[in-house]
Amino acid sequence: MSSLDKWIDAACAELGIDQAVVDRRAVLDLAREVAHRVDRPAAPVTAFLLGIAVGGGQPPGPATDRLLALASQWQDTSPA
């Protein structure tokens, strides 16, 4: 068992979350895409936002897909 697996187990137990609802691959893929296409600090914030959306009743798969689509077309238009 990897350190990540052990951490997920411990975090789920601490928060009373059923591990079956944790799609580790989807969260990591989302974080990777956001980090590369938007900004590194945006990755954990986006994962947090996904958690809020899912906690609020949005289905995880479609919410993740929407965020991936947003990141894939992201263009930062703010001045450098």
PDB file of N, CA and C in Angstrom:
ATOM      1  N   MET A   1       0.845  -1.172   0.000  1.00  0.00           N
ATOM      2  CA  MET A   1       0.000   0.000   0.000  1.00  0.00           C
ATOM      3  C   MET A   1       0.898   1.246   0.000  1.00  0.00           C
ATOM      4  N   SER A   2       0.595   2.181  -0.889  1.00  0.00           N
ATOM      5  CA  SER A   2       1.410   3.389  -1.016  1.00  0.00           C
ATOM      6  C   SER A   2       1.109   4.374   0.105  1.00  0.00           C
ATOM      7  N   SER A   3       1.975   5.353   0.234  1.00  0.00           N
ATOM      8  CA  SER A   3       1.737   6.421   1.218  1.00  0.00           C
ATOM      9  C   SER A   3       0.435   7.149   0.912  1.00  0.00           C
ATOM     10  N   LEU A   4       0.160   7.362  -0.373  1.00  0.00           N
ATOM     11  CA  LEU A   4      -1.087   8.022  -0.750  1.00  0.00           C
ATOM     12  C   LEU A   4      -2.290   7.194  -0.321  1.00  0.00           C
ATOM     13  N   ASP A   5      -2.246   5.889  -0.566  1.00  0.00           N
ATOM     14  CA  ASP A   5      -3.344   5.013  -0.147  1.00  0.00           C
ATOM     15  C   ASP A   5      -3.540   5.058   1.367  1.00  0.00           C
ATOM     16  N   LYS A   6      -2.439   5.023   2.100  1.00  0.00           N
ATOM     17  CA  LYS A   6      -2.520   5.089   3.563  1.00  0.00           C
ATOM     18  C   LYS A   6      -3.111   6.421   4.009  1.00  0.00           C
ATOM     19  N   TRP A   7      -2.703   7.504   3.348  1.00  0.00           N
ATOM     20  CA  TRP A   7      -3.220   8.820   3.687  1.00  0.00           C
ATOM     21  C   TRP A   7      -4.724   8.892   3.407  1.00  0.00           C
ATOM     22  N   ILE A   8      -5.147   8.416   2.252  1.00  0.00           N
ATOM     23  CA  ILE A   8      -6.570   8.428   1.909  1.00  0.00           C
ATOM     24  C   ILE A   8      -7.365   7.626   2.932  1.00  0.00           C
ATOM     25  N   ASP A   9      -6.861   6.454   3.297  1.00  0.00           N
ATOM     26  CA  ASP A   9      -7.528   5.636   4.318  1.00  0.00           C
ATOM     27  C   ASP A   9      -7.683   6.411   5.624  1.00  0.00           C
ATOM     28  N   ALA A  10      -6.583   7.010   6.075  1.00  0.00           N
ATOM     29  CA  ALA A  10      -6.596   7.735   7.348  1.00  0.00           C
ATOM     30  C   ALA A  10      -7.488   8.972   7.273  1.00  0.00           C
ATOM     31  N   ALA A  11      -7.405   9.707   6.184  1.00  0.00           N
ATOM     32  CA  ALA A  11      -8.217  10.920   6.036  1.00  0.00           C
ATOM     33  C   ALA A  11      -9.704  10.576   5.966  1.00  0.00           C
ATOM     34  N   CYS A  12     -10.044   9.530   5.242  1.00  0.00           N
ATOM     35  CA  CYS A  12     -11.447   9.097   5.176  1.00  0.00           C
ATOM     36  C   CYS A  12     -11.954   8.682   6.548  1.00  0.00           C
ATOM     37  N   ALA A  13     -11.137   7.942   7.277  1.00  0.00           N
ATOM     38  CA  ALA A  13     -11.540   7.523   8.623  1.00  0.00           C
ATOM     39  C   ALA A  13     -11.725   8.737   9.526  1.00  0.00           C
ATOM     40  N   GLU A  14     -10.824   9.685   9.439  1.00  0.00           N
ATOM     41  CA  GLU A  14     -10.890  10.888  10.276  1.00  0.00           C
ATOM     42  C   GLU A  14     -12.146  11.708   9.988  1.00  0.00           C
ATOM     43  N   LEU A  15     -12.517  11.792   8.710  1.00  0.00           N
ATOM     44  CA  LEU A  15     -13.657  12.617   8.304  1.00  0.00           C
ATOM     45  C   LEU A  15     -14.963  11.843   8.193  1.00  0.00           C
ATOM     46  N   GLY A  16     -14.899  10.531   8.415  1.00  0.00           N
ATOM     47  CA  GLY A  16     -16.109   9.723   8.314  1.00  0.00           C
ATOM     48  C   GLY A  16     -16.624   9.596   6.892  1.00  0.00           C
ATOM     49  N   ILE A  17     -15.707   9.502   5.937  1.00  0.00           N
ATOM     50  CA  ILE A  17     -16.058   9.396   4.518  1.00  0.00           C
ATOM     51  C   ILE A  17     -15.882   7.957   4.066  1.00  0.00           C
ATOM     52  N   ASP A  18     -16.844   7.469   3.319  1.00  0.00           N
ATOM     53  CA  ASP A  18     -16.744   6.139   2.727  1.00  0.00           C
ATOM     54  C   ASP A  18     -15.693   6.189   1.617  1.00  0.00           C
ATOM     55  N   GLN A  19     -14.679   5.346   1.718  1.00  0.00           N
ATOM     56  CA  GLN A  19     -13.601   5.341   0.724  1.00  0.00           C
ATOM     57  C   GLN A  19     -14.099   5.011  -0.672  1.00  0.00           C
ATOM     58  N   ALA A  20     -15.222   4.371  -0.773  1.00  0.00           N
ATOM     59  CA  ALA A  20     -15.759   3.996  -2.087  1.00  0.00           C
ATOM     60  C   ALA A  20     -16.112   5.212  -2.928  1.00  0.00           C
ATOM     61  N   VAL A  21     -16.347   6.349  -2.309  1.00  0.00           N
ATOM     62  CA  VAL A  21     -16.703   7.542  -3.073  1.00  0.00           C
ATOM     63  C   VAL A  21     -15.479   8.320  -3.550  1.00  0.00           C
ATOM     64  N   VAL A  22     -14.299   7.903  -3.129  1.00  0.00           N
ATOM     65  CA  VAL A  22     -13.075   8.612  -3.490  1.00  0.00           C
ATOM     66  C   VAL A  22     -12.551   8.080  -4.817  1.00  0.00           C
ATOM     67  N   ASP A  23     -12.592   8.931  -5.836  1.00  0.00           N
ATOM     68  CA  ASP A  23     -12.024   8.588  -7.139  1.00  0.00           C
ATOM     69  C   ASP A  23     -10.662   9.271  -7.247  1.00  0.00           C
ATOM     70  N   ARG A  24      -9.686   8.611  -6.670  1.00  0.00           N
ATOM     71  CA  ARG A  24      -8.333   9.168  -6.592  1.00  0.00           C
ATOM     72  C   ARG A  24      -7.818   9.571  -7.955  1.00  0.00           C
ATOM     73  N   ARG A  25      -7.983   8.717  -8.945  1.00  0.00           N
ATOM     74  CA  ARG A  25      -7.469   8.987 -10.292  1.00  0.00           C
ATOM     75  C   ARG A  25      -8.094  10.250 -10.871  1.00  0.00           C
ATOM     76  N   ALA A  26      -9.410  10.419 -10.707  1.00  0.00           N
ATOM     77  CA  ALA A  26     -10.097  11.595 -11.250  1.00  0.00           C
ATOM     78  C   ALA A  26      -9.587  12.877 -10.595  1.00  0.00           C
ATOM     79  N   VAL A  27      -9.402  12.844  -9.279  1.00  0.00           N
ATOM     80  CA  VAL A  27      -8.920  14.032  -8.570  1.00  0.00           C
ATOM     81  C   VAL A  27      -7.490  14.358  -8.984  1.00  0.00           C
ATOM     82  N   LEU A  28      -6.649  13.352  -9.090  1.00  0.00           N
ATOM     83  CA  LEU A  28      -5.264  13.591  -9.483  1.00  0.00           C
ATOM     84  C   LEU A  28      -5.166  14.081 -10.923  1.00  0.00           C
ATOM     85  N   ASP A  29      -5.977  13.520 -11.806  1.00  0.00           N
ATOM     86  CA  ASP A  29      -5.992  13.977 -13.202  1.00  0.00           C
ATOM     87  C   ASP A  29      -6.443  15.429 -13.284  1.00  0.00           C
ATOM     88  N   LEU A  30      -7.489  15.766 -12.540  1.00  0.00           N
ATOM     89  CA  LEU A  30      -7.975  17.141 -12.522  1.00  0.00           C
ATOM     90  C   LEU A  30      -6.891  18.075 -11.998  1.00  0.00           C
ATOM     91  N   ALA A  31      -6.264  17.724 -10.901  1.00  0.00           N
ATOM     92  CA  ALA A  31      -5.220  18.570 -10.315  1.00  0.00           C
ATOM     93  C   ALA A  31      -4.047  18.746 -11.284  1.00  0.00           C
ATOM     94  N   ARG A  32      -3.660  17.679 -11.965  1.00  0.00           N
ATOM     95  CA  ARG A  32      -2.558  17.761 -12.927  1.00  0.00           C
ATOM     96  C   ARG A  32      -2.900  18.722 -14.062  1.00  0.00           C
ATOM     97  N   GLU A  33      -4.088  18.561 -14.627  1.00  0.00           N
ATOM     98  CA  GLU A  33      -4.488  19.412 -15.747  1.00  0.00           C
ATOM     99  C   GLU A  33      -4.567  20.879 -15.338  1.00  0.00           C
ATOM    100  N   VAL A  34      -5.157  21.142 -14.180  1.00  0.00           N
ATOM    101  CA  VAL A  34      -5.272  22.521 -13.716  1.00  0.00           C
ATOM    102  C   VAL A  34      -3.892  23.107 -13.424  1.00  0.00           C
ATOM    103  N   ALA A  35      -3.013  22.323 -12.813  1.00  0.00           N
ATOM    104  CA  ALA A  35      -1.669  22.808 -12.512  1.00  0.00           C
ATOM    105  C   ALA A  35      -0.912  23.174 -13.780  1.00  0.00           C
ATOM    106  N   HIS A  36      -1.067  22.380 -14.830  1.00  0.00           N
ATOM    107  CA  HIS A  36      -0.339  22.626 -16.074  1.00  0.00           C
ATOM    108  C   HIS A  36      -0.973  23.715 -16.931  1.00  0.00           C
ATOM    109  N   ARG A  37      -2.288  23.774 -16.945  1.00  0.00           N
ATOM    110  CA  ARG A  37      -2.972  24.687 -17.864  1.00  0.00           C
ATOM    111  C   ARG A  37      -3.348  26.028 -17.240  1.00  0.00           C
ATOM    112  N   VAL A  38      -3.483  26.062 -15.919  1.00  0.00           N
ATOM    113  CA  VAL A  38      -3.910  27.292 -15.251  1.00  0.00           C
ATOM    114  C   VAL A  38      -2.749  27.824 -14.409  1.00  0.00           C
ATOM    115  N   ASP A  39      -2.506  27.192 -13.268  1.00  0.00           N
ATOM    116  CA  ASP A  39      -1.442  27.614 -12.361  1.00  0.00           C
ATOM    117  C   ASP A  39      -1.326  26.553 -11.275  1.00  0.00           C
ATOM    118  N   ARG A  40      -0.120  26.286 -10.834  1.00  0.00           N
ATOM    119  CA  ARG A  40       0.066  25.228  -9.832  1.00  0.00           C
ATOM    120  C   ARG A  40      -0.797  25.409  -8.592  1.00  0.00           C
ATOM    121  N   PRO A  41      -0.833  26.621  -8.008  1.00  0.00           N
ATOM    122  CA  PRO A  41      -1.668  26.784  -6.813  1.00  0.00           C
ATOM    123  C   PRO A  41      -3.162  26.599  -7.086  1.00  0.00           C
ATOM    124  N   ALA A  42      -3.563  26.665  -8.334  1.00  0.00           N
ATOM    125  CA  ALA A  42      -4.976  26.470  -8.672  1.00  0.00           C
ATOM    126  C   ALA A  42      -5.395  25.012  -8.501  1.00  0.00           C
ATOM    127  N   ALA A  43      -4.443  24.077  -8.524  1.00  0.00           N
ATOM    128  CA  ALA A  43      -4.772  22.651  -8.437  1.00  0.00           C
ATOM    129  C   ALA A  43      -5.438  22.283  -7.107  1.00  0.00           C
ATOM    130  N   PRO A  44      -4.827  22.572  -5.960  1.00  0.00           N
ATOM    131  CA  PRO A  44      -5.502  22.201  -4.709  1.00  0.00           C
ATOM    132  C   PRO A  44      -6.772  23.012  -4.470  1.00  0.00           C
ATOM    133  N   VAL A  45      -6.779  24.251  -4.920  1.00  0.00           N
ATOM    134  CA  VAL A  45      -7.988  25.068  -4.749  1.00  0.00           C
ATOM    135  C   VAL A  45      -9.129  24.482  -5.583  1.00  0.00           C
ATOM    136  N   THR A  46      -8.809  24.034  -6.788  1.00  0.00           N
ATOM    137  CA  THR A  46      -9.828  23.433  -7.649  1.00  0.00           C
ATOM    138  C   THR A  46     -10.343  22.131  -7.044  1.00  0.00           C
ATOM    139  N   ALA A  47      -9.455  21.331  -6.467  1.00  0.00           N
ATOM    140  CA  ALA A  47      -9.892  20.101  -5.806  1.00  0.00           C
ATOM    141  C   ALA A  47     -10.825  20.427  -4.638  1.00  0.00           C
ATOM    142  N   PHE A  48     -10.520  21.481  -3.911  1.00  0.00           N
ATOM    143  CA  PHE A  48     -11.379  21.918  -2.812  1.00  0.00           C
ATOM    144  C   PHE A  48     -12.744  22.356  -3.348  1.00  0.00           C
ATOM    145  N   LEU A  49     -12.739  23.129  -4.436  1.00  0.00           N
ATOM    146  CA  LEU A  49     -13.991  23.583  -5.039  1.00  0.00           C
ATOM    147  C   LEU A  49     -14.824  22.403  -5.529  1.00  0.00           C
ATOM    148  N   LEU A  50     -14.163  21.406  -6.088  1.00  0.00           N
ATOM    149  CA  LEU A  50     -14.865  20.196  -6.509  1.00  0.00           C
ATOM    150  C   LEU A  50     -15.524  19.534  -5.299  1.00  0.00           C
ATOM    151  N   GLY A  51     -14.806  19.471  -4.201  1.00  0.00           N
ATOM    152  CA  GLY A  51     -15.364  18.888  -2.986  1.00  0.00           C
ATOM    153  C   GLY A  51     -16.586  19.642  -2.492  1.00  0.00           C
ATOM    154  N   ILE A  52     -16.536  20.954  -2.570  1.00  0.00           N
ATOM    155  CA  ILE A  52     -17.695  21.754  -2.165  1.00  0.00           C
ATOM    156  C   ILE A  52     -18.875  21.469  -3.095  1.00  0.00           C
ATOM    157  N   ALA A  53     -18.608  21.407  -4.402  1.00  0.00           N
ATOM    158  CA  ALA A  53     -19.674  21.138  -5.368  1.00  0.00           C
ATOM    159  C   ALA A  53     -20.310  19.773  -5.122  1.00  0.00           C
ATOM    160  N   VAL A  54     -19.485  18.765  -4.912  1.00  0.00           N
ATOM    161  CA  VAL A  54     -19.994  17.409  -4.676  1.00  0.00           C
ATOM    162  C   VAL A  54     -20.730  17.359  -3.339  1.00  0.00           C
ATOM    163  N   GLY A  55     -20.177  18.005  -2.329  1.00  0.00           N
ATOM    164  CA  GLY A  55     -20.848  18.063  -1.038  1.00  0.00           C
ATOM    165  C   GLY A  55     -22.197  18.772  -1.114  1.00  0.00           C
ATOM    166  N   GLY A  56     -22.312  19.672  -2.078  1.00  0.00           N
ATOM    167  CA  GLY A  56     -23.559  20.396  -2.281  1.00  0.00           C
ATOM    168  C   GLY A  56     -24.553  19.659  -3.156  1.00  0.00           C
ATOM    169  N   GLY A  57     -24.182  18.454  -3.599  1.00  0.00           N
ATOM    170  CA  GLY A  57     -25.122  17.633  -4.335  1.00  0.00           C
ATOM    171  C   GLY A  57     -24.839  17.419  -5.811  1.00  0.00           C
ATOM    172  N   GLN A  58     -23.801  18.073  -6.354  1.00  0.00           N
ATOM    173  CA  GLN A  58     -23.476  17.846  -7.763  1.00  0.00           C
ATOM    174  C   GLN A  58     -22.807  16.483  -7.904  1.00  0.00           C
ATOM    175  N   PRO A  59     -23.136  15.744  -8.957  1.00  0.00           N
ATOM    176  CA  PRO A  59     -22.477  14.457  -9.179  1.00  0.00           C
ATOM    177  C   PRO A  59     -20.987  14.662  -9.478  1.00  0.00           C
ATOM    178  N   PRO A  60     -20.123  13.840  -8.885  1.00  0.00           N
ATOM    179  CA  PRO A  60     -18.684  14.047  -9.041  1.00  0.00           C
ATOM    180  C   PRO A  60     -18.186  13.980 -10.489  1.00  0.00           C
ATOM    181  N   GLY A  61     -18.640  12.994 -11.246  1.00  0.00           N
ATOM    182  CA  GLY A  61     -18.151  12.849 -12.621  1.00  0.00           C
ATOM    183  C   GLY A  61     -18.426  14.055 -13.485  1.00  0.00           C
ATOM    184  N   PRO A  62     -19.672  14.486 -13.590  1.00  0.00           N
ATOM    185  CA  PRO A  62     -19.959  15.672 -14.408  1.00  0.00           C
ATOM    186  C   PRO A  62     -19.288  16.946 -13.897  1.00  0.00           C
ATOM    187  N   ALA A  63     -19.196  17.103 -12.576  1.00  0.00           N
ATOM    188  CA  ALA A  63     -18.534  18.288 -12.032  1.00  0.00           C
ATOM    189  C   ALA A  63     -17.057  18.288 -12.404  1.00  0.00           C
ATOM    190  N   THR A  64     -16.419  17.127 -12.305  1.00  0.00           N
ATOM    191  CA  THR A  64     -15.018  17.002 -12.699  1.00  0.00           C
ATOM    192  C   THR A  64     -14.852  17.297 -14.185  1.00  0.00           C
ATOM    193  N   ASP A  65     -15.741  16.747 -14.997  1.00  0.00           N
ATOM    194  CA  ASP A  65     -15.676  16.982 -16.445  1.00  0.00           C
ATOM    195  C   ASP A  65     -15.806  18.460 -16.781  1.00  0.00           C
ATOM    196  N   ARG A  66     -16.693  19.154 -16.090  1.00  0.00           N
ATOM    197  CA  ARG A  66     -16.877  20.583 -16.343  1.00  0.00           C
ATOM    198  C   ARG A  66     -15.612  21.362 -15.998  1.00  0.00           C
ATOM    199  N   LEU A  67     -14.978  21.008 -14.888  1.00  0.00           N
ATOM    200  CA  LEU A  67     -13.740  21.693 -14.505  1.00  0.00           C
ATOM    201  C   LEU A  67     -12.601  21.368 -15.460  1.00  0.00           C
ATOM    202  N   LEU A  68     -12.524  20.115 -15.917  1.00  0.00           N
ATOM    203  CA  LEU A  68     -11.500  19.754 -16.908  1.00  0.00           C
ATOM    204  C   LEU A  68     -11.709  20.521 -18.206  1.00  0.00           C
ATOM    205  N   ALA A  69     -12.951  20.666 -18.631  1.00  0.00           N
ATOM    206  CA  ALA A  69     -13.243  21.416 -19.851  1.00  0.00           C
ATOM    207  C   ALA A  69     -12.853  22.881 -19.677  1.00  0.00           C
ATOM    208  N   LEU A  70     -13.159  23.439 -18.519  1.00  0.00           N
ATOM    209  CA  LEU A  70     -12.786  24.824 -18.247  1.00  0.00           C
ATOM    210  C   LEU A  70     -11.274  24.995 -18.302  1.00  0.00           C
ATOM    211  N   ALA A  71     -10.549  24.080 -17.661  1.00  0.00           N
ATOM    212  CA  ALA A  71      -9.078  24.165 -17.650  1.00  0.00           C
ATOM    213  C   ALA A  71      -8.506  23.983 -19.054  1.00  0.00           C
ATOM    214  N   SER A  72      -9.103  23.106 -19.859  1.00  0.00           N
ATOM    215  CA  SER A  72      -8.552  22.843 -21.188  1.00  0.00           C
ATOM    216  C   SER A  72      -8.652  24.038 -22.114  1.00  0.00           C
ATOM    217  N   GLN A  73      -9.601  24.910 -21.854  1.00  0.00           N
ATOM    218  CA  GLN A  73      -9.732  26.096 -22.708  1.00  0.00           C
ATOM    219  C   GLN A  73      -9.313  27.378 -22.001  1.00  0.00           C
ATOM    220  N   TRP A  74      -8.670  27.235 -20.849  1.00  0.00           N
ATOM    221  CA  TRP A  74      -8.300  28.389 -20.052  1.00  0.00           C
ATOM    222  C   TRP A  74      -7.259  29.245 -20.762  1.00  0.00           C
ATOM    223  N   GLN A  75      -7.527  30.521 -20.784  1.00  0.00           N
ATOM    224  CA  GLN A  75      -6.565  31.510 -21.285  1.00  0.00           C
ATOM    225  C   GLN A  75      -6.546  32.648 -20.290  1.00  0.00           C
ATOM    226  N   ASP A  76      -5.418  32.827 -19.658  1.00  0.00           N
ATOM    227  CA  ASP A  76      -5.284  33.894 -18.666  1.00  0.00           C
ATOM    228  C   ASP A  76      -5.170  35.220 -19.411  1.00  0.00           C
ATOM    229  N   THR A  77      -6.119  36.085 -19.213  1.00  0.00           N
ATOM    230  CA  THR A  77      -6.109  37.370 -19.901  1.00  0.00           C
ATOM    231  C   THR A  77      -5.675  38.517 -18.988  1.00  0.00           C
ATOM    232  N   SER A  78      -5.245  38.184 -17.765  1.00  0.00           N
ATOM    233  CA  SER A  78      -4.798  39.243 -16.870  1.00  0.00           C
ATOM    234  C   SER A  78      -3.413  39.718 -17.296  1.00  0.00           C
ATOM    235  N   PRO A  79      -3.099  40.995 -17.022  1.00  0.00           N
ATOM    236  CA  PRO A  79      -1.765  41.498 -17.389  1.00  0.00           C
ATOM    237  C   PRO A  79      -0.673  40.801 -16.592  1.00  0.00           C
ATOM    238  N   ALA A  80       0.461  40.648 -17.196  1.00  0.00           N
ATOM    239  CA  ALA A  80       1.591  39.955 -16.557  1.00  0.00           C
ATOM    240  C   ALA A  80       2.182  40.717 -15.425  1.00  0.00           C
TER     241      ALA A  80
END
